Amino acid sequence: LELHLKRLIVGGMERVYEIGRIFRNEGMDATHNPEFTMIEVYQAYADFHDIMDLTEGIIQHAAKAVKGDGPVNYQGTEIKINEPFKRVHMVDAIKEITGVDFWQDLTFEEAVALANEKHVPVEKHYTEVG
């Protein structure tokens, strides 16, 4: 999907999208299906804020079409789909959940020590440079 859409953008179309069936030759379990439907969207002259706005609008429109105006209950959590989505930088989300502040400069050794402390396996080839 991606390459053809990007060619259209380069060719002068300012907004393109495609909804299509995707197959990835990977394993399957209760949380992963190798065949799925995906929407891919590109917009010329847009930054990530514009794309977040667009994505939020698509999700809200689809939810409203399926569920109406009310909140959506997902796995016991009520989601007020018509309210603006919370937006948080990934580094801030990691800090909120783990207490690790990646805004601070870390040496490679400090990063590996933090991974070990949080029980995140670090494979050997990730611990060497070169």
N, C-alpha and C. Protein backbone atom coordinates (compact mmCIF):
# COMPACT_ATOMS: atom_id res chain seq x y z
N LEU A 1 0.82 -1.20 0.00
CA LEU A 1 0.00 0.00 0.00
C LEU A 1 0.86 1.26 0.00
N GLU A 2 1.83 1.29 0.86
CA GLU A 2 2.56 2.52 1.15
C GLU A 2 3.21 3.15 -0.07
N LEU A 3 3.94 2.38 -0.84
CA LEU A 3 4.71 2.93 -1.95
C LEU A 3 3.82 3.59 -3.00
N HIS A 4 2.72 2.94 -3.36
CA HIS A 4 1.82 3.51 -4.37
C HIS A 4 1.19 4.81 -3.88
N LEU A 5 0.82 4.86 -2.61
CA LEU A 5 0.23 6.08 -2.07
C LEU A 5 1.24 7.21 -2.05
N LYS A 6 2.46 6.91 -1.68
CA LYS A 6 3.49 7.95 -1.65
C LYS A 6 3.79 8.46 -3.06
N ARG A 7 3.72 7.60 -4.04
CA ARG A 7 3.91 8.04 -5.43
C ARG A 7 2.81 9.02 -5.84
N LEU A 8 1.59 8.77 -5.39
CA LEU A 8 0.50 9.70 -5.70
C LEU A 8 0.73 11.06 -5.06
N ILE A 9 1.23 11.07 -3.83
CA ILE A 9 1.54 12.33 -3.15
C ILE A 9 2.61 13.08 -3.93
N VAL A 10 3.68 12.39 -4.31
CA VAL A 10 4.76 13.02 -5.09
C VAL A 10 4.22 13.52 -6.43
N GLY A 11 3.24 12.82 -6.99
CA GLY A 11 2.65 13.21 -8.26
C GLY A 11 1.69 14.38 -8.18
N GLY A 12 1.43 14.88 -6.98
CA GLY A 12 0.61 16.08 -6.86
C GLY A 12 -0.71 15.94 -6.13
N MET A 13 -1.13 14.72 -5.82
CA MET A 13 -2.36 14.57 -5.04
C MET A 13 -2.05 14.92 -3.59
N GLU A 14 -2.87 15.76 -2.99
CA GLU A 14 -2.55 16.23 -1.64
C GLU A 14 -3.04 15.29 -0.55
N ARG A 15 -4.07 14.52 -0.81
CA ARG A 15 -4.61 13.59 0.20
C ARG A 15 -4.94 12.27 -0.48
N VAL A 16 -4.41 11.19 0.08
CA VAL A 16 -4.70 9.87 -0.47
C VAL A 16 -4.93 8.90 0.69
N TYR A 17 -5.72 7.88 0.42
CA TYR A 17 -5.91 6.82 1.40
C TYR A 17 -6.26 5.53 0.67
N GLU A 18 -6.09 4.45 1.39
CA GLU A 18 -6.51 3.15 0.87
C GLU A 18 -6.94 2.29 2.04
N ILE A 19 -8.04 1.60 1.86
CA ILE A 19 -8.49 0.60 2.82
C ILE A 19 -8.32 -0.74 2.13
N GLY A 20 -7.57 -1.63 2.74
CA GLY A 20 -7.31 -2.89 2.06
C GLY A 20 -7.05 -4.04 3.00
N ARG A 21 -7.18 -5.23 2.47
CA ARG A 21 -6.87 -6.45 3.21
C ARG A 21 -5.36 -6.64 3.20
N ILE A 22 -4.82 -6.98 4.34
CA ILE A 22 -3.39 -7.15 4.50
C ILE A 22 -3.14 -8.57 5.00
N PHE A 23 -2.08 -9.19 4.50
CA PHE A 23 -1.65 -10.49 5.01
C PHE A 23 -0.17 -10.41 5.32
N ARG A 24 0.18 -10.79 6.53
CA ARG A 24 1.58 -10.88 6.93
C ARG A 24 1.83 -12.32 7.35
N ASN A 25 2.80 -12.93 6.74
CA ASN A 25 3.10 -14.34 7.00
C ASN A 25 3.80 -14.48 8.35
N GLU A 26 3.00 -14.38 9.40
CA GLU A 26 3.50 -14.47 10.76
C GLU A 26 2.62 -15.42 11.54
N GLY A 27 3.02 -15.70 12.75
CA GLY A 27 2.25 -16.60 13.60
C GLY A 27 0.89 -16.03 13.96
N MET A 28 0.03 -16.91 14.46
CA MET A 28 -1.32 -16.51 14.84
C MET A 28 -1.58 -16.98 16.26
N ASP A 29 -2.19 -16.12 17.08
CA ASP A 29 -2.60 -16.51 18.42
C ASP A 29 -3.83 -15.68 18.79
N ALA A 30 -4.20 -15.70 20.05
CA ALA A 30 -5.43 -15.02 20.48
C ALA A 30 -5.35 -13.51 20.31
N THR A 31 -4.13 -12.96 20.21
CA THR A 31 -3.98 -11.51 20.08
C THR A 31 -3.44 -11.07 18.73
N HIS A 32 -3.18 -11.99 17.83
CA HIS A 32 -2.55 -11.64 16.56
C HIS A 32 -3.13 -12.47 15.43
N ASN A 33 -3.65 -11.79 14.43
CA ASN A 33 -4.18 -12.45 13.24
C ASN A 33 -3.34 -11.98 12.05
N PRO A 34 -2.78 -12.88 11.28
CA PRO A 34 -1.92 -12.46 10.17
C PRO A 34 -2.68 -11.77 9.03
N GLU A 35 -4.01 -11.91 9.01
CA GLU A 35 -4.81 -11.24 7.98
C GLU A 35 -5.72 -10.22 8.65
N PHE A 36 -5.68 -9.00 8.15
CA PHE A 36 -6.46 -7.94 8.76
C PHE A 36 -6.75 -6.85 7.73
N THR A 37 -7.66 -5.95 8.07
CA THR A 37 -7.99 -4.82 7.22
C THR A 37 -7.33 -3.57 7.80
N MET A 38 -6.75 -2.76 6.91
CA MET A 38 -6.01 -1.59 7.38
C MET A 38 -6.36 -0.39 6.51
N ILE A 39 -6.35 0.77 7.13
CA ILE A 39 -6.45 2.02 6.38
C ILE A 39 -5.09 2.70 6.45
N GLU A 40 -4.64 3.18 5.33
CA GLU A 40 -3.37 3.91 5.27
C GLU A 40 -3.67 5.27 4.66
N VAL A 41 -3.19 6.33 5.31
CA VAL A 41 -3.53 7.70 4.94
C VAL A 41 -2.26 8.53 4.82
N TYR A 42 -2.20 9.34 3.78
CA TYR A 42 -1.10 10.30 3.62
C TYR A 42 -1.68 11.64 3.23
N GLN A 43 -1.06 12.71 3.72
CA GLN A 43 -1.52 14.05 3.41
C GLN A 43 -0.30 14.94 3.22
N ALA A 44 -0.22 15.58 2.06
CA ALA A 44 0.89 16.49 1.79
C ALA A 44 0.81 17.70 2.71
N TYR A 45 1.95 18.23 3.06
CA TYR A 45 2.07 19.46 3.86
C TYR A 45 1.48 19.33 5.26
N ALA A 46 1.28 18.13 5.73
CA ALA A 46 0.71 17.90 7.05
C ALA A 46 1.81 17.46 8.01
N ASP A 47 1.70 17.92 9.25
CA ASP A 47 2.63 17.43 10.26
C ASP A 47 1.92 16.36 11.11
N PHE A 48 2.61 15.87 12.11
CA PHE A 48 2.04 14.78 12.89
C PHE A 48 0.80 15.22 13.67
N HIS A 49 0.70 16.49 14.01
CA HIS A 49 -0.52 16.97 14.68
C HIS A 49 -1.72 16.87 13.74
N ASP A 50 -1.52 17.25 12.49
CA ASP A 50 -2.60 17.14 11.50
C ASP A 50 -3.04 15.69 11.33
N ILE A 51 -2.08 14.78 11.29
CA ILE A 51 -2.42 13.36 11.10
C ILE A 51 -3.11 12.81 12.35
N MET A 52 -2.69 13.27 13.54
CA MET A 52 -3.40 12.86 14.76
C MET A 52 -4.84 13.34 14.73
N ASP A 53 -5.06 14.59 14.30
CA ASP A 53 -6.43 15.11 14.19
C ASP A 53 -7.25 14.27 13.21
N LEU A 54 -6.65 13.95 12.08
CA LEU A 54 -7.34 13.15 11.06
C LEU A 54 -7.69 11.76 11.61
N THR A 55 -6.72 11.12 12.26
CA THR A 55 -6.93 9.79 12.82
C THR A 55 -8.03 9.81 13.88
N GLU A 56 -7.99 10.80 14.75
CA GLU A 56 -9.01 10.93 15.78
C GLU A 56 -10.39 11.09 15.14
N GLY A 57 -10.49 11.89 14.10
CA GLY A 57 -11.76 12.09 13.42
C GLY A 57 -12.28 10.82 12.77
N ILE A 58 -11.38 10.05 12.16
CA ILE A 58 -11.79 8.79 11.52
C ILE A 58 -12.33 7.82 12.57
N ILE A 59 -11.62 7.70 13.69
CA ILE A 59 -12.05 6.78 14.75
C ILE A 59 -13.38 7.23 15.33
N GLN A 60 -13.52 8.53 15.60
CA GLN A 60 -14.77 9.03 16.16
C GLN A 60 -15.94 8.83 15.19
N HIS A 61 -15.71 9.08 13.92
CA HIS A 61 -16.77 8.90 12.93
C HIS A 61 -17.19 7.43 12.83
N ALA A 62 -16.21 6.53 12.80
CA ALA A 62 -16.53 5.10 12.71
C ALA A 62 -17.27 4.63 13.95
N ALA A 63 -16.81 5.07 15.13
CA ALA A 63 -17.47 4.66 16.37
C ALA A 63 -18.90 5.18 16.42
N LYS A 64 -19.10 6.42 15.99
CA LYS A 64 -20.45 6.99 15.99
C LYS A 64 -21.36 6.24 15.01
N ALA A 65 -20.81 5.85 13.86
CA ALA A 65 -21.61 5.12 12.87
C ALA A 65 -22.04 3.75 13.41
N VAL A 66 -21.19 3.14 14.21
CA VAL A 66 -21.48 1.81 14.74
C VAL A 66 -22.27 1.88 16.04
N LYS A 67 -21.90 2.80 16.92
CA LYS A 67 -22.40 2.79 18.29
C LYS A 67 -23.32 3.96 18.63
N GLY A 68 -23.39 4.97 17.78
CA GLY A 68 -24.18 6.16 18.10
C GLY A 68 -23.33 7.17 18.87
N ASP A 69 -24.01 8.14 19.48
CA ASP A 69 -23.31 9.25 20.13
C ASP A 69 -22.76 8.93 21.51
N GLY A 70 -23.26 7.92 22.16
CA GLY A 70 -22.88 7.64 23.54
C GLY A 70 -21.48 7.10 23.69
N PRO A 71 -21.07 6.91 24.94
CA PRO A 71 -19.74 6.34 25.19
C PRO A 71 -19.67 4.87 24.76
N VAL A 72 -18.46 4.41 24.55
CA VAL A 72 -18.20 3.02 24.15
C VAL A 72 -17.62 2.29 25.35
N ASN A 73 -18.15 1.11 25.64
CA ASN A 73 -17.60 0.29 26.72
C ASN A 73 -16.67 -0.74 26.11
N TYR A 74 -15.41 -0.70 26.49
CA TYR A 74 -14.42 -1.65 25.97
C TYR A 74 -13.71 -2.32 27.12
N GLN A 75 -13.92 -3.61 27.26
CA GLN A 75 -13.30 -4.43 28.31
C GLN A 75 -13.48 -3.80 29.69
N GLY A 76 -14.70 -3.33 29.95
CA GLY A 76 -15.01 -2.77 31.26
C GLY A 76 -14.63 -1.32 31.44
N THR A 77 -14.06 -0.70 30.44
CA THR A 77 -13.68 0.71 30.53
C THR A 77 -14.58 1.54 29.63
N GLU A 78 -15.14 2.60 30.19
CA GLU A 78 -15.98 3.49 29.40
C GLU A 78 -15.10 4.51 28.68
N ILE A 79 -15.26 4.58 27.37
CA ILE A 79 -14.48 5.51 26.56
C ILE A 79 -15.45 6.54 25.98
N LYS A 80 -15.23 7.79 26.32
CA LYS A 80 -16.05 8.87 25.78
C LYS A 80 -15.45 9.25 24.43
N ILE A 81 -15.95 8.60 23.41
CA ILE A 81 -15.34 8.65 22.08
C ILE A 81 -15.44 10.03 21.43
N ASN A 82 -16.43 10.83 21.83
CA ASN A 82 -16.60 12.14 21.20
C ASN A 82 -15.75 13.24 21.84
N GLU A 83 -15.06 12.93 22.92
CA GLU A 83 -14.17 13.90 23.54
C GLU A 83 -12.80 13.82 22.88
N PRO A 84 -12.04 14.92 22.92
CA PRO A 84 -10.69 14.86 22.35
C PRO A 84 -9.85 13.78 23.02
N PHE A 85 -9.06 13.09 22.23
CA PHE A 85 -8.21 12.03 22.76
C PHE A 85 -7.04 12.63 23.54
N LYS A 86 -6.64 11.92 24.57
CA LYS A 86 -5.45 12.34 25.32
C LYS A 86 -4.23 12.15 24.42
N ARG A 87 -3.38 13.15 24.38
CA ARG A 87 -2.15 13.06 23.59
C ARG A 87 -0.97 13.27 24.53
N VAL A 88 -0.05 12.35 24.46
CA VAL A 88 1.10 12.41 25.35
C VAL A 88 2.33 11.94 24.58
N HIS A 89 3.44 12.60 24.81
CA HIS A 89 4.69 12.19 24.17
C HIS A 89 5.10 10.82 24.72
N MET A 90 5.66 9.99 23.87
CA MET A 90 6.03 8.63 24.27
C MET A 90 6.98 8.65 25.47
N VAL A 91 7.93 9.57 25.50
CA VAL A 91 8.88 9.63 26.61
C VAL A 91 8.14 9.93 27.92
N ASP A 92 7.15 10.82 27.88
CA ASP A 92 6.37 11.12 29.08
C ASP A 92 5.51 9.93 29.51
N ALA A 93 4.97 9.18 28.55
CA ALA A 93 4.18 7.99 28.88
C ALA A 93 5.05 6.94 29.56
N ILE A 94 6.25 6.75 29.06
CA ILE A 94 7.17 5.78 29.68
C ILE A 94 7.50 6.22 31.10
N LYS A 95 7.75 7.52 31.28
CA LYS A 95 8.07 8.02 32.62
C LYS A 95 6.88 7.82 33.57
N GLU A 96 5.67 8.08 33.08
CA GLU A 96 4.47 7.93 33.91
C GLU A 96 4.29 6.49 34.38
N ILE A 97 4.56 5.52 33.52
CA ILE A 97 4.34 4.12 33.85
C ILE A 97 5.52 3.51 34.60
N THR A 98 6.74 3.85 34.20
CA THR A 98 7.92 3.17 34.76
C THR A 98 8.73 4.02 35.72
N GLY A 99 8.55 5.34 35.66
CA GLY A 99 9.38 6.22 36.46
C GLY A 99 10.72 6.54 35.81
N VAL A 100 10.99 5.95 34.66
CA VAL A 100 12.25 6.18 33.95
C VAL A 100 12.10 7.43 33.09
N ASP A 101 13.03 8.37 33.26
CA ASP A 101 12.97 9.65 32.55
C ASP A 101 13.99 9.66 31.41
N PHE A 102 13.51 9.36 30.20
CA PHE A 102 14.40 9.35 29.05
C PHE A 102 14.66 10.74 28.49
N TRP A 103 14.08 11.79 29.11
CA TRP A 103 14.45 13.15 28.72
C TRP A 103 15.85 13.46 29.22
N GLN A 104 16.28 12.74 30.25
CA GLN A 104 17.63 12.93 30.78
C GLN A 104 18.62 12.17 29.90
N ASP A 105 19.82 12.72 29.78
CA ASP A 105 20.86 12.01 29.04
C ASP A 105 21.30 10.78 29.83
N LEU A 106 21.34 9.64 29.15
CA LEU A 106 21.78 8.39 29.77
C LEU A 106 22.96 7.86 28.99
N THR A 107 23.91 7.31 29.72
CA THR A 107 24.97 6.59 29.02
C THR A 107 24.40 5.25 28.60
N PHE A 108 25.10 4.60 27.70
CA PHE A 108 24.68 3.27 27.26
C PHE A 108 24.61 2.32 28.45
N GLU A 109 25.59 2.40 29.32
CA GLU A 109 25.63 1.51 30.49
C GLU A 109 24.44 1.78 31.42
N GLU A 110 24.09 3.05 31.60
CA GLU A 110 22.94 3.38 32.44
C GLU A 110 21.64 2.85 31.83
N ALA A 111 21.52 2.93 30.51
CA ALA A 111 20.33 2.42 29.84
C ALA A 111 20.21 0.91 30.01
N VAL A 112 21.32 0.19 29.87
CA VAL A 112 21.31 -1.26 30.06
C VAL A 112 20.97 -1.60 31.50
N ALA A 113 21.52 -0.86 32.46
CA ALA A 113 21.23 -1.10 33.88
C ALA A 113 19.73 -0.88 34.16
N LEU A 114 19.15 0.17 33.57
CA LEU A 114 17.71 0.41 33.74
C LEU A 114 16.89 -0.72 33.15
N ALA A 115 17.28 -1.19 31.98
CA ALA A 115 16.57 -2.31 31.36
C ALA A 115 16.61 -3.53 32.27
N ASN A 116 17.77 -3.82 32.81
CA ASN A 116 17.91 -4.97 33.72
C ASN A 116 17.05 -4.78 34.97
N GLU A 117 17.05 -3.56 35.51
CA GLU A 117 16.26 -3.26 36.71
C GLU A 117 14.76 -3.45 36.46
N LYS A 118 14.31 -3.13 35.26
CA LYS A 118 12.90 -3.25 34.90
C LYS A 118 12.57 -4.62 34.28
N HIS A 119 13.54 -5.52 34.32
CA HIS A 119 13.38 -6.89 33.79
C HIS A 119 13.07 -6.90 32.30
N VAL A 120 13.71 -6.00 31.58
CA VAL A 120 13.60 -5.96 30.12
C VAL A 120 14.83 -6.65 29.56
N PRO A 121 14.65 -7.77 28.88
CA PRO A 121 15.82 -8.48 28.37
C PRO A 121 16.54 -7.66 27.30
N VAL A 122 17.85 -7.62 27.40
CA VAL A 122 18.67 -6.92 26.42
C VAL A 122 19.57 -7.97 25.77
N GLU A 123 19.31 -8.24 24.50
CA GLU A 123 20.11 -9.24 23.81
C GLU A 123 21.53 -8.72 23.60
N LYS A 124 22.45 -9.65 23.53
CA LYS A 124 23.86 -9.28 23.44
C LYS A 124 24.14 -8.36 22.26
N HIS A 125 23.55 -8.63 21.11
CA HIS A 125 23.87 -7.79 19.96
C HIS A 125 23.36 -6.36 20.12
N TYR A 126 22.50 -6.12 21.10
CA TYR A 126 22.07 -4.75 21.37
C TYR A 126 22.99 -4.07 22.37
N THR A 127 23.92 -4.79 22.95
CA THR A 127 24.78 -4.21 23.97
C THR A 127 26.15 -3.85 23.44
N GLU A 128 26.36 -4.01 22.16
CA GLU A 128 27.66 -3.68 21.58
C GLU A 128 27.48 -2.75 20.40
N VAL A 129 28.44 -1.91 20.20
CA VAL A 129 28.43 -1.00 19.07
C VAL A 129 29.51 -1.45 18.10
N GLY A 130 29.16 -1.51 16.81
CA GLY A 130 30.18 -1.87 15.82
C GLY A 130 30.02 -3.25 15.27
